[in-house]
């Protein structure tokens, strides 16, 4: 069987085109792997749940008899310590959960008026 002379350049060109298409697609075309899409989806859903539960956290803060002390502690704390204070206060612990939610603590902290 004789292979035509043009077969090798055609196959090399097709392979190079496929590689170039993949590089362009993943770099600039917005393509992503399933794992990357799942991570993006998880991050978005976590943020949405935390945003939806922020009023719950603020209500917990309003009803807490120790709220004034916690707010004073938040005002004097460094920015990297504040989330832990909100978590420790129990304001960011959703109903039925044992542990506070980190994303909820961050959104609640953003919603609290610490400067006042």
PDB file of N, CA and C in Angstrom:
ATOM      1  N   UNK A   1       0.833  -1.166   0.000  1.00  0.00           N
ATOM      2  CA  UNK A   1       0.000   0.000   0.000  1.00  0.00           C
ATOM      3  C   UNK A   1       0.886   1.240   0.000  1.00  0.00           C
ATOM      4  N   UNK A   2       0.589   2.117  -0.887  1.00  0.00           N
ATOM      5  CA  UNK A   2       1.343   3.361  -1.010  1.00  0.00           C
ATOM      6  C   UNK A   2       0.583   4.497  -0.326  1.00  0.00           C
ATOM      7  N   UNK A   3       1.303   5.199   0.522  1.00  0.00           N
ATOM      8  CA  UNK A   3       0.701   6.347   1.218  1.00  0.00           C
ATOM      9  C   UNK A   3       1.023   7.582   0.397  1.00  0.00           C
ATOM     10  N   UNK A   4      -0.002   8.411   0.130  1.00  0.00           N
ATOM     11  CA  UNK A   4       0.265   9.614  -0.663  1.00  0.00           C
ATOM     12  C   UNK A   4       1.271  10.525   0.033  1.00  0.00           C
ATOM     13  N   UNK A   5       1.963  11.283  -0.767  1.00  0.00           N
ATOM     14  CA  UNK A   5       3.020  12.152  -0.298  1.00  0.00           C
ATOM     15  C   UNK A   5       2.498  13.276   0.612  1.00  0.00           C
ATOM     16  N   UNK A   6       1.312  13.708   0.420  1.00  0.00           N
ATOM     17  CA  UNK A   6       0.732  14.832   1.169  1.00  0.00           C
ATOM     18  C   UNK A   6       0.199  14.421   2.558  1.00  0.00           C
ATOM     19  N   UNK A   7       0.179  13.127   2.880  1.00  0.00           N
ATOM     20  CA  UNK A   7      -0.418  12.646   4.119  1.00  0.00           C
ATOM     21  C   UNK A   7       0.360  13.130   5.344  1.00  0.00           C
ATOM     22  N   UNK A   8       1.686  12.999   5.311  1.00  0.00           N
ATOM     23  CA  UNK A   8       2.488  13.387   6.457  1.00  0.00           C
ATOM     24  C   UNK A   8       2.357  14.880   6.761  1.00  0.00           C
ATOM     25  N   UNK A   9       2.494  15.790   5.829  1.00  0.00           N
ATOM     26  CA  UNK A   9       2.315  17.214   6.148  1.00  0.00           C
ATOM     27  C   UNK A   9       0.888  17.530   6.618  1.00  0.00           C
ATOM     28  N   UNK A  10      -0.084  16.825   6.072  1.00  0.00           N
ATOM     29  CA  UNK A  10      -1.468  17.072   6.496  1.00  0.00           C
ATOM     30  C   UNK A  10      -1.673  16.649   7.945  1.00  0.00           C
ATOM     31  N   UNK A  11      -1.133  15.489   8.330  1.00  0.00           N
ATOM     32  CA  UNK A  11      -1.269  15.030   9.706  1.00  0.00           C
ATOM     33  C   UNK A  11      -0.506  15.918  10.684  1.00  0.00           C
ATOM     34  N   UNK A  12       0.683  16.350  10.307  1.00  0.00           N
ATOM     35  CA  UNK A  12       1.461  17.253  11.167  1.00  0.00           C
ATOM     36  C   UNK A  12       0.715  18.580  11.316  1.00  0.00           C
ATOM     37  N   UNK A  13       0.149  19.103  10.251  1.00  0.00           N
ATOM     38  CA  UNK A  13      -0.614  20.355  10.301  1.00  0.00           C
ATOM     39  C   UNK A  13      -1.864  20.216  11.159  1.00  0.00           C
ATOM     40  N   UNK A  14      -2.555  19.084  11.043  1.00  0.00           N
ATOM     41  CA  UNK A  14      -3.750  18.858  11.848  1.00  0.00           C
ATOM     42  C   UNK A  14      -3.390  18.758  13.329  1.00  0.00           C
ATOM     43  N   UNK A  15      -2.300  18.071  13.641  1.00  0.00           N
ATOM     44  CA  UNK A  15      -1.858  17.960  15.035  1.00  0.00           C
ATOM     45  C   UNK A  15      -1.447  19.309  15.611  1.00  0.00           C
ATOM     46  N   UNK A  16      -0.687  20.082  14.829  1.00  0.00           N
ATOM     47  CA  UNK A  16      -0.265  21.406  15.285  1.00  0.00           C
ATOM     48  C   UNK A  16      -1.476  22.319  15.453  1.00  0.00           C
ATOM     49  N   UNK A  17      -2.441  22.218  14.570  1.00  0.00           N
ATOM     50  CA  UNK A  17      -3.654  23.022  14.686  1.00  0.00           C
ATOM     51  C   UNK A  17      -4.463  22.658  15.915  1.00  0.00           C
ATOM     52  N   UNK A  18      -4.543  21.364  16.221  1.00  0.00           N
ATOM     53  CA  UNK A  18      -5.270  20.927  17.406  1.00  0.00           C
ATOM     54  C   UNK A  18      -4.595  21.427  18.679  1.00  0.00           C
ATOM     55  N   UNK A  19      -3.283  21.377  18.709  1.00  0.00           N
ATOM     56  CA  UNK A  19      -2.545  21.871  19.878  1.00  0.00           C
ATOM     57  C   UNK A  19      -2.735  23.380  20.017  1.00  0.00           C
ATOM     58  N   UNK A  20      -2.621  24.100  18.912  1.00  0.00           N
ATOM     59  CA  UNK A  20      -2.814  25.554  18.949  1.00  0.00           C
ATOM     60  C   UNK A  20      -4.236  25.905  19.375  1.00  0.00           C
ATOM     61  N   UNK A  21      -5.218  25.179  18.894  1.00  0.00           N
ATOM     62  CA  UNK A  21      -6.609  25.417  19.265  1.00  0.00           C
ATOM     63  C   UNK A  21      -6.823  25.189  20.757  1.00  0.00           C
ATOM     64  N   UNK A  22      -6.228  24.149  21.301  1.00  0.00           N
ATOM     65  CA  UNK A  22      -6.358  23.867  22.732  1.00  0.00           C
ATOM     66  C   UNK A  22      -5.702  24.961  23.570  1.00  0.00           C
ATOM     67  N   UNK A  23      -4.519  25.391  23.163  1.00  0.00           N
ATOM     68  CA  UNK A  23      -3.820  26.453  23.901  1.00  0.00           C
ATOM     69  C   UNK A  23      -4.628  27.743  23.870  1.00  0.00           C
ATOM     70  N   UNK A  24      -5.099  28.122  22.707  1.00  0.00           N
ATOM     71  CA  UNK A  24      -5.890  29.352  22.580  1.00  0.00           C
ATOM     72  C   UNK A  24      -7.209  29.224  23.341  1.00  0.00           C
ATOM     73  N   UNK A  25      -7.850  28.085  23.246  1.00  0.00           N
ATOM     74  CA  UNK A  25      -9.134  27.891  23.922  1.00  0.00           C
ATOM     75  C   UNK A  25      -9.031  27.961  25.426  1.00  0.00           C
ATOM     76  N   UNK A  26      -8.031  27.308  26.012  1.00  0.00           N
ATOM     77  CA  UNK A  26      -7.886  27.312  27.463  1.00  0.00           C
ATOM     78  C   UNK A  26      -7.300  28.625  27.984  1.00  0.00           C
ATOM     79  N   UNK A  27      -6.466  29.295  27.174  1.00  0.00           N
ATOM     80  CA  UNK A  27      -5.846  30.540  27.632  1.00  0.00           C
ATOM     81  C   UNK A  27      -6.781  31.732  27.485  1.00  0.00           C
ATOM     82  N   UNK A  28      -7.352  31.912  26.290  1.00  0.00           N
ATOM     83  CA  UNK A  28      -8.133  33.105  26.011  1.00  0.00           C
ATOM     84  C   UNK A  28      -9.599  32.827  25.716  1.00  0.00           C
ATOM     85  N   UNK A  29      -9.934  31.604  25.411  1.00  0.00           N
ATOM     86  CA  UNK A  29     -11.296  31.292  24.987  1.00  0.00           C
ATOM     87  C   UNK A  29     -12.274  31.002  26.107  1.00  0.00           C
ATOM     88  N   UNK A  30     -11.804  30.914  27.345  1.00  0.00           N
ATOM     89  CA  UNK A  30     -12.694  30.662  28.452  1.00  0.00           C
ATOM     90  C   UNK A  30     -12.993  29.197  28.692  1.00  0.00           C
ATOM     91  N   UNK A  31     -12.315  28.310  28.007  1.00  0.00           N
ATOM     92  CA  UNK A  31     -12.529  26.894  28.258  1.00  0.00           C
ATOM     93  C   UNK A  31     -11.958  26.553  29.621  1.00  0.00           C
ATOM     94  N   UNK A  32     -12.510  25.536  30.264  1.00  0.00           N
ATOM     95  CA  UNK A  32     -11.953  25.078  31.532  1.00  0.00           C
ATOM     96  C   UNK A  32     -12.240  23.599  31.709  1.00  0.00           C
ATOM     97  N   UNK A  33     -11.485  23.010  32.594  1.00  0.00           N
ATOM     98  CA  UNK A  33     -11.683  21.597  32.895  1.00  0.00           C
ATOM     99  C   UNK A  33     -12.893  21.443  33.813  1.00  0.00           C
ATOM    100  N   UNK A  34     -13.383  20.243  33.934  1.00  0.00           N
ATOM    101  CA  UNK A  34     -14.513  19.972  34.816  1.00  0.00           C
ATOM    102  C   UNK A  34     -14.158  20.308  36.259  1.00  0.00           C
ATOM    103  N   UNK A  35     -12.955  19.990  36.677  1.00  0.00           N
ATOM    104  CA  UNK A  35     -12.521  20.269  38.046  1.00  0.00           C
ATOM    105  C   UNK A  35     -12.523  21.769  38.319  1.00  0.00           C
ATOM    106  N   UNK A  36     -12.025  22.557  37.388  1.00  0.00           N
ATOM    107  CA  UNK A  36     -12.010  24.011  37.563  1.00  0.00           C
ATOM    108  C   UNK A  36     -13.433  24.565  37.604  1.00  0.00           C
ATOM    109  N   UNK A  37     -14.310  24.031  36.785  1.00  0.00           N
ATOM    110  CA  UNK A  37     -15.704  24.480  36.784  1.00  0.00           C
ATOM    111  C   UNK A  37     -16.390  24.129  38.101  1.00  0.00           C
ATOM    112  N   UNK A  38     -16.102  22.959  38.640  1.00  0.00           N
ATOM    113  CA  UNK A  38     -16.697  22.555  39.911  1.00  0.00           C
ATOM    114  C   UNK A  38     -16.205  23.446  41.052  1.00  0.00           C
ATOM    115  N   UNK A  39     -14.917  23.777  41.063  1.00  0.00           N
ATOM    116  CA  UNK A  39     -14.376  24.661  42.092  1.00  0.00           C
ATOM    117  C   UNK A  39     -15.023  26.037  42.005  1.00  0.00           C
ATOM    118  N   UNK A  40     -15.195  26.547  40.792  1.00  0.00           N
ATOM    119  CA  UNK A  40     -15.821  27.844  40.606  1.00  0.00           C
ATOM    120  C   UNK A  40     -17.278  27.816  41.070  1.00  0.00           C
ATOM    121  N   UNK A  41     -17.961  26.744  40.768  1.00  0.00           N
ATOM    122  CA  UNK A  41     -19.350  26.588  41.173  1.00  0.00           C
ATOM    123  C   UNK A  41     -19.476  26.495  42.690  1.00  0.00           C
ATOM    124  N   UNK A  42     -18.595  25.734  43.322  1.00  0.00           N
ATOM    125  CA  UNK A  42     -18.622  25.601  44.781  1.00  0.00           C
ATOM    126  C   UNK A  42     -18.369  26.938  45.466  1.00  0.00           C
ATOM    127  N   UNK A  43     -17.405  27.682  44.935  1.00  0.00           N
ATOM    128  CA  UNK A  43     -17.083  28.981  45.522  1.00  0.00           C
ATOM    129  C   UNK A  43     -18.274  29.936  45.385  1.00  0.00           C
ATOM    130  N   UNK A  44     -18.919  29.913  44.238  1.00  0.00           N
ATOM    131  CA  UNK A  44     -20.075  30.783  44.023  1.00  0.00           C
ATOM    132  C   UNK A  44     -21.255  30.416  44.895  1.00  0.00           C
ATOM    133  N   UNK A  45     -21.504  29.133  45.054  1.00  0.00           N
ATOM    134  CA  UNK A  45     -22.639  28.721  45.885  1.00  0.00           C
ATOM    135  C   UNK A  45     -22.372  28.993  47.362  1.00  0.00           C
ATOM    136  N   UNK A  46     -21.139  28.844  47.810  1.00  0.00           N
ATOM    137  CA  UNK A  46     -20.795  29.160  49.196  1.00  0.00           C
ATOM    138  C   UNK A  46     -20.998  30.642  49.472  1.00  0.00           C
ATOM    139  N   UNK A  47     -20.587  31.468  48.540  1.00  0.00           N
ATOM    140  CA  UNK A  47     -20.772  32.913  48.701  1.00  0.00           C
ATOM    141  C   UNK A  47     -22.248  33.286  48.697  1.00  0.00           C
ATOM    142  N   UNK A  48     -23.039  32.636  47.859  1.00  0.00           N
ATOM    143  CA  UNK A  48     -24.467  32.932  47.803  1.00  0.00           C
ATOM    144  C   UNK A  48     -25.171  32.533  49.091  1.00  0.00           C
ATOM    145  N   UNK A  49     -24.822  31.391  49.641  1.00  0.00           N
ATOM    146  CA  UNK A  49     -25.423  30.948  50.901  1.00  0.00           C
ATOM    147  C   UNK A  49     -25.028  31.892  52.034  1.00  0.00           C
ATOM    148  N   UNK A  50     -23.774  32.290  52.072  1.00  0.00           N
ATOM    149  CA  UNK A  50     -23.320  33.207  53.120  1.00  0.00           C
ATOM    150  C   UNK A  50     -24.038  34.547  53.013  1.00  0.00           C
ATOM    151  N   UNK A  51     -24.234  35.029  51.811  1.00  0.00           N
ATOM    152  CA  UNK A  51     -24.952  36.294  51.617  1.00  0.00           C
ATOM    153  C   UNK A  51     -26.403  36.165  52.051  1.00  0.00           C
ATOM    154  N   UNK A  52     -27.004  35.032  51.747  1.00  0.00           N
ATOM    155  CA  UNK A  52     -28.398  34.816  52.138  1.00  0.00           C
ATOM    156  C   UNK A  52     -28.553  34.703  53.649  1.00  0.00           C
ATOM    157  N   UNK A  53     -27.552  34.193  54.344  1.00  0.00           N
ATOM    158  CA  UNK A  53     -27.628  34.017  55.786  1.00  0.00           C
ATOM    159  C   UNK A  53     -27.113  35.218  56.582  1.00  0.00           C
ATOM    160  N   UNK A  54     -26.622  36.234  55.914  1.00  0.00           N
ATOM    161  CA  UNK A  54     -26.093  37.399  56.611  1.00  0.00           C
ATOM    162  C   UNK A  54     -27.129  38.060  57.519  1.00  0.00           C
ATOM    163  N   UNK A  55     -28.399  38.227  57.091  1.00  0.00           N
ATOM    164  CA  UNK A  55     -29.386  38.806  58.013  1.00  0.00           C
ATOM    165  C   UNK A  55     -29.557  37.970  59.288  1.00  0.00           C
ATOM    166  N   UNK A  56     -29.438  36.662  59.184  1.00  0.00           N
ATOM    167  CA  UNK A  56     -29.513  35.778  60.351  1.00  0.00           C
ATOM    168  C   UNK A  56     -28.373  36.101  61.321  1.00  0.00           C
ATOM    169  N   UNK A  57     -27.196  36.283  60.791  1.00  0.00           N
ATOM    170  CA  UNK A  57     -26.032  36.597  61.618  1.00  0.00           C
ATOM    171  C   UNK A  57     -26.213  37.958  62.289  1.00  0.00           C
ATOM    172  N   UNK A  58     -26.695  38.945  61.543  1.00  0.00           N
ATOM    173  CA  UNK A  58     -26.909  40.273  62.105  1.00  0.00           C
ATOM    174  C   UNK A  58     -27.987  40.246  63.192  1.00  0.00           C
ATOM    175  N   UNK A  59     -29.005  39.433  62.993  1.00  0.00           N
ATOM    176  CA  UNK A  59     -30.053  39.299  64.009  1.00  0.00           C
ATOM    177  C   UNK A  59     -29.498  38.644  65.277  1.00  0.00           C
ATOM    178  N   UNK A  60     -28.634  37.652  65.099  1.00  0.00           N
ATOM    179  CA  UNK A  60     -27.971  37.031  66.259  1.00  0.00           C
ATOM    180  C   UNK A  60     -27.150  38.071  67.021  1.00  0.00           C
ATOM    181  N   UNK A  61     -26.471  38.924  66.279  1.00  0.00           N
ATOM    182  CA  UNK A  61     -25.658  39.956  66.911  1.00  0.00           C
ATOM    183  C   UNK A  61     -26.538  40.944  67.671  1.00  0.00           C
ATOM    184  N   UNK A  62     -27.673  41.286  67.105  1.00  0.00           N
ATOM    185  CA  UNK A  62     -28.574  42.242  67.740  1.00  0.00           C
ATOM    186  C   UNK A  62     -29.182  41.669  69.026  1.00  0.00           C
ATOM    187  N   UNK A  63     -29.477  40.377  69.036  1.00  0.00           N
ATOM    188  CA  UNK A  63     -30.129  39.756  70.183  1.00  0.00           C
ATOM    189  C   UNK A  63     -29.153  39.253  71.249  1.00  0.00           C
ATOM    190  N   UNK A  64     -27.872  39.275  70.953  1.00  0.00           N
ATOM    191  CA  UNK A  64     -26.869  38.778  71.897  1.00  0.00           C
ATOM    192  C   UNK A  64     -26.687  39.774  73.047  1.00  0.00           C
ATOM    193  N   UNK A  65     -26.847  39.329  74.308  1.00  0.00           N
ATOM    194  CA  UNK A  65     -26.648  40.242  75.433  1.00  0.00           C
ATOM    195  C   UNK A  65     -25.188  40.695  75.578  1.00  0.00           C
ATOM    196  N   UNK A  66     -24.278  39.952  75.000  1.00  0.00           N
ATOM    197  CA  UNK A  66     -22.853  40.291  75.065  1.00  0.00           C
ATOM    198  C   UNK A  66     -22.390  41.073  73.836  1.00  0.00           C
ATOM    199  N   UNK A  67     -23.325  41.572  73.037  1.00  0.00           N
ATOM    200  CA  UNK A  67     -22.994  42.207  71.758  1.00  0.00           C
ATOM    201  C   UNK A  67     -22.097  43.428  71.937  1.00  0.00           C
ATOM    202  N   UNK A  68     -22.343  44.230  72.949  1.00  0.00           N
ATOM    203  CA  UNK A  68     -21.524  45.428  73.140  1.00  0.00           C
ATOM    204  C   UNK A  68     -20.065  45.072  73.389  1.00  0.00           C
ATOM    205  N   UNK A  69     -19.839  44.048  74.194  1.00  0.00           N
ATOM    206  CA  UNK A  69     -18.468  43.612  74.454  1.00  0.00           C
ATOM    207  C   UNK A  69     -17.799  43.046  73.219  1.00  0.00           C
ATOM    208  N   UNK A  70     -18.561  42.280  72.437  1.00  0.00           N
ATOM    209  CA  UNK A  70     -17.999  41.708  71.204  1.00  0.00           C
ATOM    210  C   UNK A  70     -17.681  42.816  70.208  1.00  0.00           C
ATOM    211  N   UNK A  71     -18.576  43.805  70.089  1.00  0.00           N
ATOM    212  CA  UNK A  71     -18.320  44.914  69.161  1.00  0.00           C
ATOM    213  C   UNK A  71     -17.095  45.718  69.601  1.00  0.00           C
ATOM    214  N   UNK A  72     -16.941  45.919  70.904  1.00  0.00           N
ATOM    215  CA  UNK A  72     -15.758  46.623  71.401  1.00  0.00           C
ATOM    216  C   UNK A  72     -14.493  45.827  71.091  1.00  0.00           C
ATOM    217  N   UNK A  73     -14.584  44.518  71.242  1.00  0.00           N
ATOM    218  CA  UNK A  73     -13.434  43.663  70.927  1.00  0.00           C
ATOM    219  C   UNK A  73     -13.118  43.707  69.429  1.00  0.00           C
ATOM    220  N   UNK A  74     -14.164  43.755  68.593  1.00  0.00           N
ATOM    221  CA  UNK A  74     -13.957  43.842  67.149  1.00  0.00           C
ATOM    222  C   UNK A  74     -13.274  45.149  66.766  1.00  0.00           C
ATOM    223  N   UNK A  75     -13.645  46.240  67.420  1.00  0.00           N
ATOM    224  CA  UNK A  75     -13.064  47.545  67.099  1.00  0.00           C
ATOM    225  C   UNK A  75     -11.583  47.603  67.438  1.00  0.00           C
ATOM    226  N   UNK A  76     -11.175  46.920  68.504  1.00  0.00           N
ATOM    227  CA  UNK A  76      -9.770  46.979  68.912  1.00  0.00           C
ATOM    228  C   UNK A  76      -8.911  45.894  68.267  1.00  0.00           C
ATOM    229  N   UNK A  77      -9.548  44.891  67.663  1.00  0.00           N
ATOM    230  CA  UNK A  77      -8.803  43.757  67.095  1.00  0.00           C
ATOM    231  C   UNK A  77      -8.210  44.114  65.736  1.00  0.00           C
ATOM    232  N   UNK A  78      -7.161  43.395  65.381  1.00  0.00           N
ATOM    233  CA  UNK A  78      -6.579  43.517  64.042  1.00  0.00           C
ATOM    234  C   UNK A  78      -7.551  42.929  63.029  1.00  0.00           C
ATOM    235  N   UNK A  79      -7.417  43.319  61.781  1.00  0.00           N
ATOM    236  CA  UNK A  79      -8.352  42.867  60.749  1.00  0.00           C
ATOM    237  C   UNK A  79      -8.326  41.348  60.570  1.00  0.00           C
ATOM    238  N   UNK A  80      -7.188  40.733  60.767  1.00  0.00           N
ATOM    239  CA  UNK A  80      -7.103  39.278  60.584  1.00  0.00           C
ATOM    240  C   UNK A  80      -7.669  38.504  61.777  1.00  0.00           C
ATOM    241  N   UNK A  81      -7.929  39.172  62.891  1.00  0.00           N
ATOM    242  CA  UNK A  81      -8.489  38.510  64.068  1.00  0.00           C
ATOM    243  C   UNK A  81     -10.015  38.631  64.133  1.00  0.00           C
ATOM    244  N   UNK A  82     -10.579  39.539  63.384  1.00  0.00           N
ATOM    245  CA  UNK A  82     -12.006  39.843  63.510  1.00  0.00           C
ATOM    246  C   UNK A  82     -12.917  38.679  63.143  1.00  0.00           C
ATOM    247  N   UNK A  83     -12.598  37.967  62.077  1.00  0.00           N
ATOM    248  CA  UNK A  83     -13.451  36.843  61.687  1.00  0.00           C
ATOM    249  C   UNK A  83     -13.532  35.818  62.811  1.00  0.00           C
ATOM    250  N   UNK A  84     -12.424  35.559  63.467  1.00  0.00           N
ATOM    251  CA  UNK A  84     -12.399  34.613  64.573  1.00  0.00           C
ATOM    252  C   UNK A  84     -13.258  35.069  65.740  1.00  0.00           C
ATOM    253  N   UNK A  85     -13.307  36.367  65.967  1.00  0.00           N
ATOM    254  CA  UNK A  85     -14.135  36.901  67.051  1.00  0.00           C
ATOM    255  C   UNK A  85     -15.610  36.682  66.732  1.00  0.00           C
ATOM    256  N   UNK A  86     -15.994  36.932  65.477  1.00  0.00           N
ATOM    257  CA  UNK A  86     -17.386  36.717  65.069  1.00  0.00           C
ATOM    258  C   UNK A  86     -17.733  35.232  65.172  1.00  0.00           C
ATOM    259  N   UNK A  87     -16.821  34.371  64.763  1.00  0.00           N
ATOM    260  CA  UNK A  87     -17.058  32.929  64.862  1.00  0.00           C
ATOM    261  C   UNK A  87     -17.188  32.511  66.322  1.00  0.00           C
ATOM    262  N   UNK A  88     -16.310  33.020  67.183  1.00  0.00           N
ATOM    263  CA  UNK A  88     -16.311  32.656  68.597  1.00  0.00           C
ATOM    264  C   UNK A  88     -17.587  33.133  69.297  1.00  0.00           C
ATOM    265  N   UNK A  89     -18.134  34.257  68.846  1.00  0.00           N
ATOM    266  CA  UNK A  89     -19.344  34.795  69.471  1.00  0.00           C
ATOM    267  C   UNK A  89     -20.574  33.933  69.192  1.00  0.00           C
ATOM    268  N   UNK A  90     -20.498  33.102  68.142  1.00  0.00           N
ATOM    269  CA  UNK A  90     -21.620  32.238  67.792  1.00  0.00           C
ATOM    270  C   UNK A  90     -22.577  32.853  66.799  1.00  0.00           C
ATOM    271  N   UNK A  91     -22.310  34.067  66.393  1.00  0.00           N
ATOM    272  CA  UNK A  91     -23.203  34.748  65.460  1.00  0.00           C
ATOM    273  C   UNK A  91     -23.205  34.086  64.092  1.00  0.00           C
ATOM    274  N   UNK A  92     -22.102  33.486  63.698  1.00  0.00           N
ATOM    275  CA  UNK A  92     -21.974  32.905  62.361  1.00  0.00           C
ATOM    276  C   UNK A  92     -22.197  31.396  62.360  1.00  0.00           C
ATOM    277  N   UNK A  93     -22.840  30.890  63.390  1.00  0.00           N
ATOM    278  CA  UNK A  93     -23.151  29.460  63.445  1.00  0.00           C
ATOM    279  C   UNK A  93     -24.590  29.265  62.987  1.00  0.00           C
ATOM    280  N   UNK A  94     -24.804  28.688  61.801  1.00  0.00           N
ATOM    281  CA  UNK A  94     -26.175  28.495  61.306  1.00  0.00           C
ATOM    282  C   UNK A  94     -26.976  27.568  62.214  1.00  0.00           C
ATOM    283  N   UNK A  95     -28.268  27.723  62.177  1.00  0.00           N
ATOM    284  CA  UNK A  95     -29.177  26.913  62.974  1.00  0.00           C
ATOM    285  C   UNK A  95     -28.949  25.435  62.683  1.00  0.00           C
ATOM    286  N   UNK A  96     -28.800  24.630  63.705  1.00  0.00           N
ATOM    287  CA  UNK A  96     -28.617  23.193  63.542  1.00  0.00           C
ATOM    288  C   UNK A  96     -27.182  22.767  63.318  1.00  0.00           C
ATOM    289  N   UNK A  97     -26.271  23.715  63.204  1.00  0.00           N
ATOM    290  CA  UNK A  97     -24.859  23.389  62.996  1.00  0.00           C
ATOM    291  C   UNK A  97     -24.110  23.526  64.317  1.00  0.00           C
ATOM    292  N   UNK A  98     -23.023  22.811  64.439  1.00  0.00           N
ATOM    293  CA  UNK A  98     -22.203  22.897  65.640  1.00  0.00           C
ATOM    294  C   UNK A  98     -21.069  23.893  65.491  1.00  0.00           C
ATOM    295  N   UNK A  99     -20.568  24.042  64.272  1.00  0.00           N
ATOM    296  CA  UNK A  99     -19.420  24.907  64.021  1.00  0.00           C
ATOM    297  C   UNK A  99     -19.837  26.129  63.215  1.00  0.00           C
ATOM    298  N   UNK A 100     -19.151  27.260  63.440  1.00  0.00           N
ATOM    299  CA  UNK A 100     -19.464  28.458  62.661  1.00  0.00           C
ATOM    300  C   UNK A 100     -19.033  28.299  61.208  1.00  0.00           C
ATOM    301  N   UNK A 101     -19.688  29.036  60.339  1.00  0.00           N
ATOM    302  CA  UNK A 101     -19.379  29.020  58.918  1.00  0.00           C
ATOM    303  C   UNK A 101     -18.437  30.182  58.614  1.00  0.00           C
ATOM    304  N   UNK A 102     -17.305  29.872  58.031  1.00  0.00           N
ATOM    305  CA  UNK A 102     -16.272  30.879  57.766  1.00  0.00           C
ATOM    306  C   UNK A 102     -16.763  31.962  56.812  1.00  0.00           C
ATOM    307  N   UNK A 103     -17.400  31.555  55.717  1.00  0.00           N
ATOM    308  CA  UNK A 103     -17.875  32.532  54.737  1.00  0.00           C
ATOM    309  C   UNK A 103     -18.961  33.415  55.337  1.00  0.00           C
ATOM    310  N   UNK A 104     -19.828  32.836  56.159  1.00  0.00           N
ATOM    311  CA  UNK A 104     -20.868  33.614  56.820  1.00  0.00           C
ATOM    312  C   UNK A 104     -20.248  34.616  57.788  1.00  0.00           C
ATOM    313  N   UNK A 105     -19.226  34.212  58.503  1.00  0.00           N
ATOM    314  CA  UNK A 105     -18.549  35.125  59.430  1.00  0.00           C
ATOM    315  C   UNK A 105     -17.947  36.308  58.669  1.00  0.00           C
ATOM    316  N   UNK A 106     -17.375  36.061  57.506  1.00  0.00           N
ATOM    317  CA  UNK A 106     -16.785  37.137  56.719  1.00  0.00           C
ATOM    318  C   UNK A 106     -17.833  38.095  56.189  1.00  0.00           C
ATOM    319  N   UNK A 107     -18.959  37.572  55.659  1.00  0.00           N
ATOM    320  CA  UNK A 107     -19.991  38.463  55.147  1.00  0.00           C
ATOM    321  C   UNK A 107     -20.688  39.214  56.290  1.00  0.00           C
ATOM    322  N   UNK A 108     -20.847  38.555  57.429  1.00  0.00           N
ATOM    323  CA  UNK A 108     -21.442  39.210  58.594  1.00  0.00           C
ATOM    324  C   UNK A 108     -20.525  40.329  59.080  1.00  0.00           C
ATOM    325  N   UNK A 109     -19.261  40.070  59.100  1.00  0.00           N
ATOM    326  CA  UNK A 109     -18.283  41.082  59.521  1.00  0.00           C
ATOM    327  C   UNK A 109     -18.320  42.290  58.599  1.00  0.00           C
ATOM    328  N   UNK A 110     -18.466  42.045  57.310  1.00  0.00           N
ATOM    329  CA  UNK A 110     -18.578  43.142  56.353  1.00  0.00           C
ATOM    330  C   UNK A 110     -19.837  43.964  56.598  1.00  0.00           C
ATOM    331  N   UNK A 111     -20.916  43.292  57.001  1.00  0.00           N
ATOM    332  CA  UNK A 111     -22.204  43.964  57.199  1.00  0.00           C
ATOM    333  C   UNK A 111     -22.268  44.702  58.541  1.00  0.00           C
ATOM    334  N   UNK A 112     -21.490  44.269  59.507  1.00  0.00           N
ATOM    335  CA  UNK A 112     -21.486  44.945  60.814  1.00  0.00           C
ATOM    336  C   UNK A 112     -20.824  46.314  60.687  1.00  0.00           C
ATOM    337  N   UNK A 113     -21.377  47.292  61.353  1.00  0.00           N
ATOM    338  CA  UNK A 113     -20.812  48.644  61.320  1.00  0.00           C
ATOM    339  C   UNK A 113     -19.814  48.759  62.458  1.00  0.00           C
ATOM    340  N   UNK A 114     -18.577  48.399  62.194  1.00  0.00           N
ATOM    341  CA  UNK A 114     -17.541  48.385  63.221  1.00  0.00           C
ATOM    342  C   UNK A 114     -16.992  49.799  63.484  1.00  0.00           C
ATOM    343  N   UNK A 115     -17.089  50.662  62.505  1.00  0.00           N
ATOM    344  CA  UNK A 115     -16.515  51.995  62.654  1.00  0.00           C
ATOM    345  C   UNK A 115     -17.302  52.875  63.610  1.00  0.00           C
ATOM    346  N   UNK A 116     -18.578  52.547  63.843  1.00  0.00           N
ATOM    347  CA  UNK A 116     -19.415  53.406  64.692  1.00  0.00           C
ATOM    348  C   UNK A 116     -19.077  53.272  66.149  1.00  0.00           C
TER     349      UNK A 116
END
